[in-house]
């Protein structure tokens, strides 16, 4: 009889613990879902010629919209998150190959532009294609002396890994268009931490 009571007690405890785990899991999922976003993809065109792909960045004499700290953080983040950058580019090109498109080429200068954008979003919380000072996102190209015929930007916030961020991008028509655009040739990725998640910026050009 005692053994039967102990058995019933243990079974009751397992049910209670199991419900608690399920509740915690739901709480976690519900808490992170509203924090993960992709903003509408954006494109721009210009008549300037495409610059040669290079690992050096040409600076202009124009006043920088981002702070010097943002640029310093951007350079550091490229080194810190180079594996994440490579992973995201690999996933982008995997999607493109599935549709018979050519791979995008990695561009350090675009990664620097993307990293500046990610850093300034993380610093200010301004999650828009408009920069914190109100200027257009593509002004970062002018700051860094990047020439292009066509450019595009994708940004996301609140994802803690590349696959989740990429699935969100690909589920958004404007972002998917930028990723799958056959007219774009180069890509750079920016990563900036915020809490346990990241700001991601993707910069494309032709």
Protein backbone atom coordinates (compact mmCIF):
# COMPACT_ATOMS: atom_id res chain seq x y z
CA UNK A 1 0.00 0.00 0.00
CA UNK A 2 2.86 2.34 0.90
CA UNK A 3 4.57 1.48 -2.36
CA UNK A 4 1.43 2.31 -4.31
CA UNK A 5 1.13 5.71 -2.59
CA UNK A 6 4.79 6.47 -3.35
CA UNK A 7 4.22 5.54 -6.98
CA UNK A 8 1.21 7.84 -7.24
CA UNK A 9 3.18 10.64 -5.60
CA UNK A 10 6.11 10.24 -8.02
CA UNK A 11 3.74 10.21 -11.00
CA UNK A 12 2.10 13.41 -9.76
CA UNK A 13 5.49 15.11 -9.42
CA UNK A 14 6.48 14.11 -12.96
CA UNK A 15 3.25 15.59 -14.35
CA UNK A 16 3.79 18.85 -12.44
CA UNK A 17 7.43 19.13 -13.55
CA UNK A 18 6.49 18.31 -17.15
CA UNK A 19 3.86 21.05 -17.22
CA UNK A 20 6.38 23.49 -15.79
CA UNK A 21 8.89 22.72 -18.55
CA UNK A 22 6.24 23.18 -21.23
CA UNK A 23 5.15 26.48 -19.72
CA UNK A 24 8.73 27.73 -19.54
CA UNK A 25 9.27 26.72 -23.16
CA UNK A 26 6.18 28.63 -24.28
CA UNK A 27 7.20 31.66 -22.25
CA UNK A 28 10.65 31.67 -23.92
CA UNK A 29 9.23 31.30 -27.41
CA UNK A 30 6.65 34.02 -26.85
CA UNK A 31 9.25 36.34 -25.36
CA UNK A 32 11.64 36.17 -28.31
CA UNK A 33 9.16 36.15 -31.20
CA UNK A 34 8.11 39.85 -30.96
CA UNK A 35 11.76 40.93 -30.75
CA UNK A 36 12.86 39.46 -34.09
CA UNK A 37 12.26 41.63 -37.12
CA UNK A 38 13.36 42.22 -40.67
CA UNK A 39 12.86 45.68 -42.08
CA UNK A 40 11.70 46.22 -45.64
CA UNK A 41 14.55 45.74 -48.09
CA UNK A 42 15.69 48.83 -49.92
CA UNK A 43 17.49 49.50 -53.20
CA UNK A 44 19.06 52.50 -54.89
CA UNK A 45 20.76 53.20 -58.22
CA UNK A 46 23.32 55.69 -59.45
CA UNK A 47 25.25 56.47 -62.64
CA UNK A 48 28.65 56.11 -60.99
CA UNK A 49 30.89 53.29 -62.13
CA UNK A 50 31.48 50.17 -60.10
CA UNK A 51 34.70 50.24 -58.11
CA UNK A 52 37.28 47.49 -58.31
CA UNK A 53 36.87 44.87 -55.59
CA UNK A 54 39.57 45.51 -53.03
CA UNK A 55 40.41 44.81 -49.40
CA UNK A 56 41.23 48.45 -48.68
CA UNK A 57 38.72 51.18 -47.95
CA UNK A 58 38.95 54.61 -49.55
CA UNK A 59 37.75 57.41 -47.26
CA UNK A 60 36.22 60.62 -48.58
CA UNK A 61 36.54 64.12 -47.18
CA UNK A 62 32.81 64.36 -46.52
CA UNK A 63 31.60 64.57 -42.95
CA UNK A 64 30.96 61.13 -41.55
CA UNK A 65 27.40 60.48 -40.40
CA UNK A 66 28.49 57.64 -38.14
CA UNK A 67 30.80 58.26 -35.22
CA UNK A 68 34.46 57.29 -35.23
CA UNK A 69 33.51 54.74 -32.59
CA UNK A 70 31.04 53.15 -35.02
CA UNK A 71 33.77 52.77 -37.64
CA UNK A 72 36.21 51.35 -35.10
CA UNK A 73 33.57 48.95 -33.78
CA UNK A 74 32.65 47.99 -37.35
CA UNK A 75 36.22 46.99 -38.17
CA UNK A 76 36.50 45.03 -34.95
CA UNK A 77 33.17 43.29 -35.55
CA UNK A 78 34.30 42.10 -38.98
CA UNK A 79 37.23 40.33 -37.33
CA UNK A 80 35.16 39.07 -34.41
CA UNK A 81 32.27 37.76 -36.50
CA UNK A 82 34.12 36.71 -39.67
CA UNK A 83 32.83 33.13 -39.31
CA UNK A 84 29.26 34.40 -39.01
CA UNK A 85 29.79 36.64 -42.04
CA UNK A 86 31.13 33.73 -44.08
CA UNK A 87 28.26 31.52 -42.94
CA UNK A 88 25.63 34.07 -44.01
CA UNK A 89 27.25 34.55 -47.41
CA UNK A 90 27.36 30.78 -47.82
CA UNK A 91 23.63 30.54 -47.07
CA UNK A 92 22.87 33.41 -49.46
CA UNK A 93 24.76 31.67 -52.25
CA UNK A 94 23.11 28.36 -51.43
CA UNK A 95 19.71 29.96 -52.02
CA UNK A 96 20.95 31.57 -55.24
CA UNK A 97 22.37 28.31 -56.60
CA UNK A 98 19.05 26.59 -55.96
CA UNK A 99 17.54 29.05 -58.45
CA UNK A 100 20.39 28.74 -60.94
CA UNK A 101 21.92 32.11 -60.06
CA UNK A 102 25.62 32.85 -59.79
CA UNK A 103 27.27 33.33 -56.40
CA UNK A 104 27.69 36.81 -54.96
CA UNK A 105 31.32 37.76 -54.33
CA UNK A 106 32.44 38.81 -50.86
CA UNK A 107 33.45 42.46 -50.60
CA UNK A 108 35.36 43.77 -47.60
CA UNK A 109 34.30 47.34 -48.33
CA UNK A 110 30.64 46.30 -48.36
CA UNK A 111 31.16 44.38 -45.12
CA UNK A 112 32.60 47.53 -43.61
CA UNK A 113 29.57 49.52 -44.78
CA UNK A 114 27.24 46.82 -43.43
CA UNK A 115 29.15 46.70 -40.16
CA UNK A 116 28.89 50.47 -39.72
CA UNK A 117 25.15 50.22 -40.32
CA UNK A 118 24.78 47.36 -37.83
CA UNK A 119 26.93 49.18 -35.25
CA UNK A 120 24.96 52.43 -35.47
CA UNK A 121 21.65 50.58 -35.21
CA UNK A 122 22.90 48.72 -32.15
CA UNK A 123 24.18 51.98 -30.62
CA UNK A 124 21.04 54.04 -31.21
CA UNK A 125 18.24 51.49 -31.56
CA UNK A 126 17.19 53.15 -34.84
CA UNK A 127 16.12 50.11 -36.87
CA UNK A 128 15.33 51.73 -40.21
CA UNK A 129 16.81 52.17 -43.67
CA UNK A 130 16.99 55.81 -42.60
CA UNK A 131 20.14 56.33 -40.55
CA UNK A 132 20.14 57.76 -36.99
CA UNK A 133 20.76 61.32 -38.27
CA UNK A 134 17.85 61.05 -40.73
CA UNK A 135 19.93 60.50 -43.88
CA UNK A 136 19.37 57.65 -46.34
CA UNK A 137 21.05 54.29 -45.64
CA UNK A 138 23.17 54.51 -48.80
CA UNK A 139 25.07 57.56 -47.52
CA UNK A 140 27.39 55.09 -45.78
CA UNK A 141 28.68 54.18 -49.25
CA UNK A 142 29.68 57.79 -49.89
CA UNK A 143 31.36 58.01 -46.49
CA UNK A 144 33.54 55.03 -47.30
CA UNK A 145 34.20 55.97 -50.93
CA UNK A 146 32.26 52.97 -52.30
CA UNK A 147 31.11 53.42 -55.90
CA UNK A 148 28.23 51.44 -57.33
CA UNK A 149 25.75 51.26 -60.20
CA UNK A 150 23.05 49.66 -58.07
CA UNK A 151 22.93 48.93 -54.36
CA UNK A 152 20.57 47.28 -51.92
CA UNK A 153 20.29 46.84 -48.18
CA UNK A 154 18.63 44.24 -45.95
CA UNK A 155 18.53 44.63 -42.16
CA UNK A 156 17.24 42.46 -39.33
CA UNK A 157 17.11 42.59 -35.56
CA UNK A 158 16.60 40.09 -32.76
CA UNK A 159 17.83 36.84 -34.32
CA UNK A 160 20.49 34.83 -32.53
CA UNK A 161 21.76 32.79 -35.47
CA UNK A 162 22.25 33.03 -39.22
CA UNK A 163 19.71 30.39 -40.26
CA UNK A 164 16.85 32.11 -38.42
CA UNK A 165 17.77 35.51 -39.82
CA UNK A 166 18.04 34.11 -43.35
CA UNK A 167 14.70 32.32 -43.14
CA UNK A 168 13.09 35.61 -42.09
CA UNK A 169 14.77 37.43 -44.97
CA UNK A 170 13.67 34.80 -47.48
CA UNK A 171 10.09 34.92 -46.19
CA UNK A 172 9.96 38.65 -46.97
CA UNK A 173 9.47 39.47 -50.70
CA UNK A 174 11.55 42.67 -50.64
CA UNK A 175 14.47 41.01 -48.86
CA UNK A 176 14.29 37.90 -51.02
CA UNK A 177 14.34 40.13 -54.10
CA UNK A 178 17.61 41.70 -52.99
CA UNK A 179 19.18 38.34 -52.12
CA UNK A 180 18.07 36.74 -55.39
CA UNK A 181 18.60 39.74 -57.67
CA UNK A 182 20.67 38.50 -60.66
CA UNK A 183 21.88 42.05 -61.36
CA UNK A 184 23.74 42.35 -58.04
CA UNK A 185 27.31 41.00 -57.93
CA UNK A 186 28.87 41.73 -54.53
CA UNK A 187 27.79 41.33 -50.92
CA UNK A 188 29.01 42.36 -47.49
CA UNK A 189 27.61 41.43 -44.10
CA UNK A 190 27.54 43.41 -40.85
CA UNK A 191 26.96 41.89 -37.42
CA UNK A 192 26.52 43.82 -34.16
CA UNK A 193 25.51 42.26 -30.84
CA UNK A 194 22.64 43.52 -28.72
CA UNK A 195 21.99 41.47 -25.62
CA UNK A 196 21.76 37.82 -26.64
CA UNK A 197 20.82 38.59 -30.25
CA UNK A 198 22.20 40.54 -33.18
CA UNK A 199 21.61 43.29 -35.67
CA UNK A 200 22.41 41.97 -39.16
CA UNK A 201 22.96 44.21 -42.16
CA UNK A 202 23.40 42.95 -45.71
CA UNK A 203 24.81 45.33 -48.32
CA UNK A 204 24.71 44.46 -52.02
CA UNK A 205 25.99 46.24 -55.08
CA UNK A 206 26.56 45.95 -58.81
